[in-house]
N, C-alpha and C. Protein backbone atom coordinates (compact mmCIF):
# COMPACT_ATOMS: atom_id res chain seq x y z
N GLY A 1 0.86 -1.28 0.10
CA GLY A 1 0.00 0.04 0.01
C GLY A 1 0.81 1.24 -0.05
N ASN A 2 0.26 2.42 -0.33
CA ASN A 2 0.85 3.69 -0.34
C ASN A 2 1.98 3.80 -1.17
N SER A 3 1.79 3.23 -2.43
CA SER A 3 3.02 3.19 -3.38
C SER A 3 2.65 3.98 -4.60
N HIS A 4 3.73 4.42 -5.33
CA HIS A 4 3.70 5.05 -6.57
C HIS A 4 4.61 4.34 -7.57
N ILE A 5 3.96 3.59 -8.54
CA ILE A 5 4.54 2.74 -9.46
C ILE A 5 4.55 3.48 -10.75
N GLU A 6 5.67 3.70 -11.40
CA GLU A 6 5.73 4.26 -12.70
C GLU A 6 5.61 3.37 -13.86
N GLY A 7 6.21 2.21 -13.66
CA GLY A 7 5.94 1.17 -14.74
C GLY A 7 4.85 0.35 -14.65
N ASN A 8 4.71 -0.60 -15.42
CA ASN A 8 3.65 -1.54 -15.57
C ASN A 8 3.70 -2.58 -14.50
N VAL A 9 2.64 -2.82 -13.81
CA VAL A 9 2.64 -3.79 -12.78
C VAL A 9 2.16 -5.11 -13.28
N GLN A 10 2.85 -6.18 -13.05
CA GLN A 10 2.60 -7.55 -13.58
C GLN A 10 2.52 -8.41 -12.32
N SER A 11 1.24 -9.04 -12.18
CA SER A 11 0.94 -9.79 -10.93
C SER A 11 1.38 -11.21 -11.20
N GLY A 12 1.79 -11.60 -12.33
CA GLY A 12 2.18 -13.00 -12.62
C GLY A 12 0.96 -13.99 -12.49
N SER A 13 1.24 -15.10 -11.74
CA SER A 13 0.09 -16.04 -11.52
C SER A 13 -0.44 -15.95 -10.07
N GLN A 14 -0.47 -14.80 -9.43
CA GLN A 14 -0.96 -14.59 -8.15
C GLN A 14 -2.37 -15.00 -8.04
N GLN A 15 -2.83 -15.59 -7.09
CA GLN A 15 -4.15 -16.04 -6.81
C GLN A 15 -4.86 -14.88 -5.86
N GLN A 16 -4.05 -14.22 -5.01
CA GLN A 16 -4.60 -13.17 -4.12
C GLN A 16 -3.75 -11.88 -4.45
N TRP A 17 -4.39 -10.79 -4.58
CA TRP A 17 -3.57 -9.45 -4.78
C TRP A 17 -4.48 -8.27 -4.30
N ILE A 18 -3.82 -7.50 -3.57
CA ILE A 18 -4.42 -6.25 -3.12
C ILE A 18 -3.63 -5.16 -3.28
N THR A 19 -4.05 -4.05 -3.95
CA THR A 19 -3.20 -2.81 -4.03
C THR A 19 -4.03 -1.69 -3.40
N ARG A 20 -3.54 -0.94 -2.41
CA ARG A 20 -4.28 0.02 -1.70
C ARG A 20 -3.52 1.42 -1.63
N ASN A 21 -4.30 2.29 -1.67
CA ASN A 21 -3.75 3.79 -1.67
C ASN A 21 -2.47 3.94 -2.49
N SER A 22 -2.62 3.53 -3.71
CA SER A 22 -1.37 3.59 -4.62
C SER A 22 -1.77 4.30 -5.99
N GLN A 23 -0.76 4.63 -6.74
CA GLN A 23 -0.86 5.19 -8.05
C GLN A 23 -0.21 4.33 -9.01
N LEU A 24 -0.77 3.77 -9.94
CA LEU A 24 -0.19 2.98 -11.03
C LEU A 24 -0.14 3.62 -12.30
N ASP A 25 0.90 4.42 -12.62
CA ASP A 25 1.11 5.25 -13.77
C ASP A 25 1.25 4.40 -15.01
N GLY A 26 1.83 3.18 -14.97
CA GLY A 26 1.90 2.39 -16.10
C GLY A 26 0.91 1.43 -16.39
N GLY A 27 -0.11 1.40 -15.47
CA GLY A 27 -1.15 0.52 -15.57
C GLY A 27 -0.86 -0.86 -15.00
N PHE A 28 -1.84 -1.79 -15.17
CA PHE A 28 -1.82 -3.13 -14.48
C PHE A 28 -2.05 -4.07 -15.54
N ALA A 29 -1.04 -4.97 -15.84
CA ALA A 29 -1.20 -6.04 -16.79
C ALA A 29 -2.29 -7.13 -16.46
N GLU A 30 -3.25 -7.33 -17.25
CA GLU A 30 -4.27 -8.21 -16.88
C GLU A 30 -3.99 -9.57 -16.91
N GLU A 31 -3.51 -10.03 -15.77
CA GLU A 31 -3.10 -11.51 -15.64
C GLU A 31 -3.47 -11.94 -14.19
N GLY A 32 -2.91 -12.88 -13.67
CA GLY A 32 -3.40 -13.37 -12.34
C GLY A 32 -4.51 -14.33 -12.45
N VAL A 33 -5.07 -14.72 -11.30
CA VAL A 33 -6.09 -15.82 -11.37
C VAL A 33 -7.43 -15.21 -10.72
N TRP A 34 -7.45 -15.03 -9.46
CA TRP A 34 -8.76 -14.35 -8.94
C TRP A 34 -8.35 -13.57 -7.72
N ASN A 35 -9.33 -12.95 -7.04
CA ASN A 35 -9.22 -12.18 -5.86
C ASN A 35 -8.33 -11.01 -6.21
N MET A 36 -8.41 -10.28 -7.26
CA MET A 36 -7.63 -9.01 -7.50
C MET A 36 -8.48 -7.90 -6.93
N VAL A 37 -7.95 -7.10 -6.03
CA VAL A 37 -8.65 -6.07 -5.32
C VAL A 37 -7.71 -4.82 -5.35
N PHE A 38 -8.37 -3.71 -5.74
CA PHE A 38 -7.77 -2.36 -5.82
C PHE A 38 -8.58 -1.40 -4.81
N VAL A 39 -7.96 -0.83 -3.91
CA VAL A 39 -8.63 0.14 -3.03
C VAL A 39 -7.99 1.47 -3.07
N GLY A 40 -8.73 2.56 -3.46
CA GLY A 40 -8.09 3.95 -3.40
C GLY A 40 -6.92 3.94 -4.37
N THR A 41 -6.99 3.22 -5.50
CA THR A 41 -5.67 3.21 -6.37
C THR A 41 -6.05 3.71 -7.72
N SER A 42 -5.40 4.83 -8.18
CA SER A 42 -5.49 5.40 -9.44
C SER A 42 -4.69 4.51 -10.42
N GLY A 43 -5.27 4.35 -11.63
CA GLY A 43 -4.54 3.58 -12.76
C GLY A 43 -4.92 2.04 -12.53
N SER A 44 -5.84 1.74 -11.74
CA SER A 44 -6.27 0.39 -11.69
C SER A 44 -7.20 0.07 -12.81
N PRO A 45 -7.30 -1.35 -13.05
CA PRO A 45 -8.27 -1.69 -14.20
C PRO A 45 -9.75 -1.51 -13.71
N THR A 46 -10.58 -1.59 -14.80
CA THR A 46 -11.96 -1.38 -14.59
C THR A 46 -12.63 -2.50 -13.82
N ALA A 47 -13.45 -2.31 -12.82
CA ALA A 47 -14.09 -3.31 -12.03
C ALA A 47 -15.03 -4.07 -12.82
N HIS A 48 -15.16 -5.43 -12.76
CA HIS A 48 -16.08 -6.27 -13.28
C HIS A 48 -16.09 -7.67 -12.68
N CYS A 49 -17.08 -8.41 -12.78
CA CYS A 49 -17.23 -9.68 -12.32
C CYS A 49 -17.21 -10.68 -13.55
N GLY A 50 -16.94 -11.89 -13.20
CA GLY A 50 -16.95 -12.98 -14.10
C GLY A 50 -15.67 -12.84 -15.06
N THR A 51 -15.59 -13.75 -15.97
CA THR A 51 -14.45 -13.76 -16.82
C THR A 51 -14.63 -13.66 -18.39
N ASP A 52 -15.83 -13.20 -18.70
CA ASP A 52 -16.25 -13.02 -19.99
C ASP A 52 -15.44 -11.98 -20.63
N ASP A 53 -15.25 -10.94 -19.94
CA ASP A 53 -14.44 -9.75 -20.52
C ASP A 53 -13.09 -9.53 -19.93
N GLY A 54 -12.56 -10.63 -19.54
CA GLY A 54 -11.15 -10.49 -18.86
C GLY A 54 -11.30 -11.06 -17.48
N LEU A 55 -10.31 -10.87 -16.74
CA LEU A 55 -10.34 -11.30 -15.25
C LEU A 55 -11.17 -10.44 -14.38
N PRO A 56 -11.83 -11.02 -13.31
CA PRO A 56 -12.65 -10.38 -12.39
C PRO A 56 -11.68 -9.43 -11.40
N TYR A 57 -12.17 -8.15 -11.34
CA TYR A 57 -11.42 -7.21 -10.48
C TYR A 57 -12.50 -6.68 -9.52
N VAL A 58 -12.19 -6.31 -8.25
CA VAL A 58 -12.89 -5.50 -7.33
C VAL A 58 -12.06 -4.21 -7.24
N VAL A 59 -12.87 -3.13 -7.48
CA VAL A 59 -12.06 -1.81 -7.33
C VAL A 59 -13.06 -0.87 -6.63
N LEU A 60 -12.41 -0.42 -5.50
CA LEU A 60 -13.09 0.67 -4.63
C LEU A 60 -12.41 1.94 -4.84
N ASP A 61 -13.17 2.96 -5.29
CA ASP A 61 -12.65 4.28 -5.70
C ASP A 61 -11.84 4.94 -4.53
N SER A 62 -12.43 4.78 -3.28
CA SER A 62 -11.68 5.38 -2.17
C SER A 62 -11.39 4.45 -0.95
N THR A 63 -10.49 4.87 -0.23
CA THR A 63 -10.16 4.02 0.94
C THR A 63 -10.89 4.45 2.16
N PRO A 64 -11.42 3.41 2.95
CA PRO A 64 -12.14 3.64 4.09
C PRO A 64 -11.32 4.74 5.05
N THR A 65 -12.03 5.64 5.76
CA THR A 65 -11.41 6.64 6.64
C THR A 65 -10.55 6.07 7.68
N VAL A 66 -10.97 4.71 8.20
CA VAL A 66 -10.25 4.11 9.17
C VAL A 66 -9.67 2.79 8.65
N THR A 67 -8.42 2.63 8.80
CA THR A 67 -7.70 1.40 8.35
C THR A 67 -6.82 0.77 9.45
N ALA A 68 -7.08 -0.40 9.88
CA ALA A 68 -6.29 -1.02 10.93
C ALA A 68 -5.25 -2.03 10.34
N GLU A 69 -4.04 -1.72 10.44
CA GLU A 69 -2.80 -2.51 10.03
C GLU A 69 -2.56 -3.54 11.00
N LYS A 70 -2.06 -4.66 10.67
CA LYS A 70 -1.63 -5.66 11.58
C LYS A 70 -0.20 -5.32 11.95
N PRO A 71 0.07 -5.69 13.30
CA PRO A 71 1.63 -5.29 13.65
C PRO A 71 2.48 -6.17 12.78
N PHE A 72 3.80 -5.58 12.79
CA PHE A 72 4.85 -6.28 11.87
C PHE A 72 6.09 -6.02 12.47
N ILE A 73 7.05 -6.75 12.21
CA ILE A 73 8.40 -6.80 12.71
C ILE A 73 9.46 -6.12 11.74
N THR A 74 10.23 -5.22 12.23
CA THR A 74 11.21 -4.68 11.45
C THR A 74 12.66 -4.91 11.99
N ILE A 75 13.69 -4.88 11.18
CA ILE A 75 15.00 -4.98 11.69
C ILE A 75 15.90 -3.79 11.21
N ASP A 76 16.57 -3.12 12.22
CA ASP A 76 17.23 -2.04 11.83
C ASP A 76 18.64 -2.33 11.34
N ASP A 77 19.49 -1.38 11.00
CA ASP A 77 20.86 -1.69 10.41
C ASP A 77 21.78 -2.16 11.48
N ALA A 78 21.46 -2.12 12.71
CA ALA A 78 22.42 -2.81 13.66
C ALA A 78 21.82 -4.29 13.95
N GLY A 79 20.78 -4.66 13.26
CA GLY A 79 20.30 -6.13 13.45
C GLY A 79 19.36 -6.25 14.73
N LEU A 80 18.82 -5.13 15.08
CA LEU A 80 17.86 -5.12 16.26
C LEU A 80 16.47 -5.25 15.77
N TYR A 81 15.77 -6.17 16.40
CA TYR A 81 14.29 -6.28 15.97
C TYR A 81 13.34 -5.31 16.59
N TYR A 82 12.31 -4.84 16.03
CA TYR A 82 11.29 -3.92 16.61
C TYR A 82 9.98 -4.44 16.12
N LEU A 83 9.03 -4.40 17.08
CA LEU A 83 7.61 -4.73 16.81
C LEU A 83 6.91 -3.47 16.47
N ARG A 84 6.35 -3.24 15.24
CA ARG A 84 5.73 -2.08 15.01
C ARG A 84 4.14 -2.31 15.21
N ILE A 85 3.45 -1.47 16.01
CA ILE A 85 2.03 -1.67 16.26
C ILE A 85 1.30 -0.34 15.78
């Protein structure tokens, strides 16, 4: 999330994909399998269901005002671990 991609994004054969709060200047290659979700992302493909006109995509124009992130672990340059909440 929160990314600015200038080139074309290729998901490969991913079965799960989410892009959030991002800008895709080069577009998104229509590939992957299913569960392709774009939330608050400019340059995302057009939303549609089924596979008659390409792959199914879920596209939300805006991001909810409240987003809860999961905690994650980072490692600094000295090799120390930190839990980010």
